[in-house]
Amino acid sequence: METLRRTIARPLDSRTSMLCVGILALNLLDAFATLRHLEHGAQELNPFMLALLHRGAGHFLIVKHLLASAGVIGLSLHPGRRAAAAALFILFPLYSLLAVYQITLFYLM
């Protein structure tokens, strides 16, 4: 139990914190943009997200954000691991590109 407490109570460096917050913000941008695009005729290709959308936009947003949050929290709990740090540095540019794509779609629709 003490090990778990030390793991969770460990402070994050500012770079890791900013990457985590940035990824989660970009994930929310993606979720809201997806809902907007669906209103204008786009289709969700991910079968899991499509099933959530059938349950409602709220379910979609909550589960999408919880999944991303769980992943980011899991990675941030291991800042000393090279794989965790690499994953954050890979995810942020990918989510940034996805945000650019989503915003570009606003101008194309």
C-alpha atoms as a PDB file:
ATOM      1  CA  MET A   1       0.000   0.000   0.000  1.00  0.00           C
ATOM      2  CA  GLU A   2       2.859   2.386   0.789  1.00  0.00           C
ATOM      3  CA  THR A   3       4.360   1.799  -2.658  1.00  0.00           C
ATOM      4  CA  LEU A   4       1.067   2.717  -4.313  1.00  0.00           C
ATOM      5  CA  ARG A   5       0.813   5.881  -2.200  1.00  0.00           C
ATOM      6  CA  ARG A   6       4.365   6.929  -3.151  1.00  0.00           C
ATOM      7  CA  THR A   7       3.627   6.232  -6.830  1.00  0.00           C
ATOM      8  CA  ILE A   8       0.491   8.363  -6.845  1.00  0.00           C
ATOM      9  CA  ALA A   9       1.877  11.140  -4.640  1.00  0.00           C
ATOM     10  CA  ARG A  10       5.007  11.616  -6.760  1.00  0.00           C
ATOM     11  CA  PRO A  11       5.155  15.087  -8.353  1.00  0.00           C
ATOM     12  CA  LEU A  12       5.263  15.347 -12.128  1.00  0.00           C
ATOM     13  CA  ASP A  13       7.755  17.509 -13.923  1.00  0.00           C
ATOM     14  CA  SER A  14       6.241  20.423 -15.813  1.00  0.00           C
ATOM     15  CA  ARG A  15       6.963  18.944 -19.252  1.00  0.00           C
ATOM     16  CA  THR A  16       5.095  15.717 -18.450  1.00  0.00           C
ATOM     17  CA  SER A  17       2.232  17.675 -16.899  1.00  0.00           C
ATOM     18  CA  MET A  18       1.901  19.913 -19.943  1.00  0.00           C
ATOM     19  CA  LEU A  19       1.974  16.946 -22.317  1.00  0.00           C
ATOM     20  CA  CYS A  20      -0.760  15.207 -20.300  1.00  0.00           C
ATOM     21  CA  VAL A  21      -2.988  18.282 -20.171  1.00  0.00           C
ATOM     22  CA  GLY A  22      -2.365  18.959 -23.858  1.00  0.00           C
ATOM     23  CA  ILE A  23      -3.271  15.409 -24.888  1.00  0.00           C
ATOM     24  CA  LEU A  24      -6.470  15.501 -22.852  1.00  0.00           C
ATOM     25  CA  ALA A  25      -7.445  18.900 -24.246  1.00  0.00           C
ATOM     26  CA  LEU A  26      -6.813  17.730 -27.795  1.00  0.00           C
ATOM     27  CA  ASN A  27      -8.824  14.577 -27.101  1.00  0.00           C
ATOM     28  CA  LEU A  28     -11.782  16.721 -26.021  1.00  0.00           C
ATOM     29  CA  LEU A  29     -11.399  18.891 -29.116  1.00  0.00           C
ATOM     30  CA  ASP A  30     -11.489  15.724 -31.215  1.00  0.00           C
ATOM     31  CA  ALA A  31     -14.603  14.479 -29.420  1.00  0.00           C
ATOM     32  CA  PHE A  32     -16.554  17.716 -29.798  1.00  0.00           C
ATOM     33  CA  ALA A  33     -15.427  18.144 -33.403  1.00  0.00           C
ATOM     34  CA  THR A  34     -16.506  14.578 -34.150  1.00  0.00           C
ATOM     35  CA  LEU A  35     -19.977  15.300 -32.790  1.00  0.00           C
ATOM     36  CA  ARG A  36     -20.187  18.465 -34.890  1.00  0.00           C
ATOM     37  CA  HIS A  37     -19.080  16.646 -38.039  1.00  0.00           C
ATOM     38  CA  LEU A  38     -21.608  13.886 -37.424  1.00  0.00           C
ATOM     39  CA  GLU A  39     -24.344  16.528 -37.315  1.00  0.00           C
ATOM     40  CA  HIS A  40     -23.267  17.542 -40.816  1.00  0.00           C
ATOM     41  CA  GLY A  41     -23.318  14.083 -42.355  1.00  0.00           C
ATOM     42  CA  ALA A  42     -19.978  12.529 -41.427  1.00  0.00           C
ATOM     43  CA  GLN A  43     -19.836   8.906 -40.284  1.00  0.00           C
ATOM     44  CA  GLU A  44     -18.044   7.401 -37.287  1.00  0.00           C
ATOM     45  CA  LEU A  45     -15.850   4.559 -38.501  1.00  0.00           C
ATOM     46  CA  ASN A  46     -14.773   3.226 -35.100  1.00  0.00           C
ATOM     47  CA  PRO A  47     -17.341   0.516 -34.195  1.00  0.00           C
ATOM     48  CA  PHE A  48     -16.838   0.980 -30.437  1.00  0.00           C
ATOM     49  CA  MET A  49     -17.368   4.752 -30.631  1.00  0.00           C
ATOM     50  CA  LEU A  50     -20.315   4.217 -32.969  1.00  0.00           C
ATOM     51  CA  ALA A  51     -21.963   1.979 -30.359  1.00  0.00           C
ATOM     52  CA  LEU A  52     -21.419   4.701 -27.761  1.00  0.00           C
ATOM     53  CA  LEU A  53     -22.905   7.303 -30.081  1.00  0.00           C
ATOM     54  CA  HIS A  54     -26.050   5.196 -30.372  1.00  0.00           C
ATOM     55  CA  ARG A  55     -26.379   5.501 -26.586  1.00  0.00           C
ATOM     56  CA  GLY A  56     -26.038   9.285 -26.845  1.00  0.00           C
ATOM     57  CA  ALA A  57     -23.496  12.067 -27.187  1.00  0.00           C
ATOM     58  CA  GLY A  58     -22.960  12.190 -23.425  1.00  0.00           C
ATOM     59  CA  HIS A  59     -21.940   8.544 -23.285  1.00  0.00           C
ATOM     60  CA  PHE A  60     -19.605   9.088 -26.222  1.00  0.00           C
ATOM     61  CA  LEU A  61     -17.916  12.113 -24.632  1.00  0.00           C
ATOM     62  CA  ILE A  62     -17.571  10.608 -21.179  1.00  0.00           C
ATOM     63  CA  VAL A  63     -16.178   7.243 -22.281  1.00  0.00           C
ATOM     64  CA  LYS A  64     -13.840   8.803 -24.856  1.00  0.00           C
ATOM     65  CA  HIS A  65     -12.467  11.185 -22.242  1.00  0.00           C
ATOM     66  CA  LEU A  66     -12.206   8.486 -19.559  1.00  0.00           C
ATOM     67  CA  LEU A  67     -10.290   6.179 -21.894  1.00  0.00           C
ATOM     68  CA  ALA A  68      -7.828   8.909 -22.819  1.00  0.00           C
ATOM     69  CA  SER A  69      -7.531   9.992 -19.185  1.00  0.00           C
ATOM     70  CA  ALA A  70      -6.817   6.451 -18.017  1.00  0.00           C
ATOM     71  CA  GLY A  71      -4.089   6.096 -20.627  1.00  0.00           C
ATOM     72  CA  VAL A  72      -2.498   9.440 -19.826  1.00  0.00           C
ATOM     73  CA  ILE A  73      -2.646   8.809 -16.080  1.00  0.00           C
ATOM     74  CA  GLY A  74      -1.123   5.378 -16.576  1.00  0.00           C
ATOM     75  CA  LEU A  75       1.728   6.842 -18.593  1.00  0.00           C
ATOM     76  CA  SER A  76       2.260   9.723 -16.192  1.00  0.00           C
ATOM     77  CA  LEU A  77       2.576   7.343 -13.237  1.00  0.00           C
ATOM     78  CA  HIS A  78       5.768   6.010 -14.830  1.00  0.00           C
ATOM     79  CA  PRO A  79       7.696   9.140 -15.851  1.00  0.00           C
ATOM     80  CA  GLY A  80      11.059   7.415 -15.403  1.00  0.00           C
ATOM     81  CA  ARG A  81      10.227   4.701 -17.920  1.00  0.00           C
ATOM     82  CA  ARG A  82      11.500   5.443 -21.370  1.00  0.00           C
ATOM     83  CA  ALA A  83       8.494   3.804 -23.025  1.00  0.00           C
ATOM     84  CA  ALA A  84       6.036   5.967 -21.055  1.00  0.00           C
ATOM     85  CA  ALA A  85       7.903   9.165 -21.882  1.00  0.00           C
ATOM     86  CA  ALA A  86       8.164   8.152 -25.537  1.00  0.00           C
ATOM     87  CA  ALA A  87       4.450   7.383 -25.672  1.00  0.00           C
ATOM     88  CA  LEU A  88       3.571  10.863 -24.402  1.00  0.00           C
ATOM     89  CA  PHE A  89       5.936  12.463 -26.917  1.00  0.00           C
ATOM     90  CA  ILE A  90       4.353  10.414 -29.710  1.00  0.00           C
ATOM     91  CA  LEU A  91       0.740  10.936 -28.632  1.00  0.00           C
ATOM     92  CA  PHE A  92       0.927  14.716 -28.411  1.00  0.00           C
ATOM     93  CA  PRO A  93       1.957  15.264 -32.071  1.00  0.00           C
ATOM     94  CA  LEU A  94      -0.553  12.649 -33.211  1.00  0.00           C
ATOM     95  CA  TYR A  95      -3.392  14.349 -31.350  1.00  0.00           C
ATOM     96  CA  SER A  96      -2.161  17.696 -32.716  1.00  0.00           C
ATOM     97  CA  LEU A  97      -2.357  16.375 -36.268  1.00  0.00           C
ATOM     98  CA  LEU A  98      -5.800  14.979 -35.549  1.00  0.00           C
ATOM     99  CA  ALA A  99      -6.881  18.409 -34.268  1.00  0.00           C
ATOM    100  CA  VAL A 100      -5.585  20.069 -37.440  1.00  0.00           C
ATOM    101  CA  TYR A 101      -7.489  17.494 -39.494  1.00  0.00           C
ATOM    102  CA  GLN A 102     -10.707  18.048 -37.516  1.00  0.00           C
ATOM    103  CA  ILE A 103     -10.446  21.828 -37.840  1.00  0.00           C
ATOM    104  CA  THR A 104      -9.692  21.543 -41.559  1.00  0.00           C
ATOM    105  CA  LEU A 105     -12.896  19.520 -41.969  1.00  0.00           C
ATOM    106  CA  PHE A 106     -14.865  22.473 -40.593  1.00  0.00           C
ATOM    107  CA  TYR A 107     -13.779  24.500 -43.609  1.00  0.00           C
ATOM    108  CA  LEU A 108     -14.463  21.699 -46.069  1.00  0.00           C
ATOM    109  CA  MET A 109     -18.002  20.859 -44.902  1.00  0.00           C
END
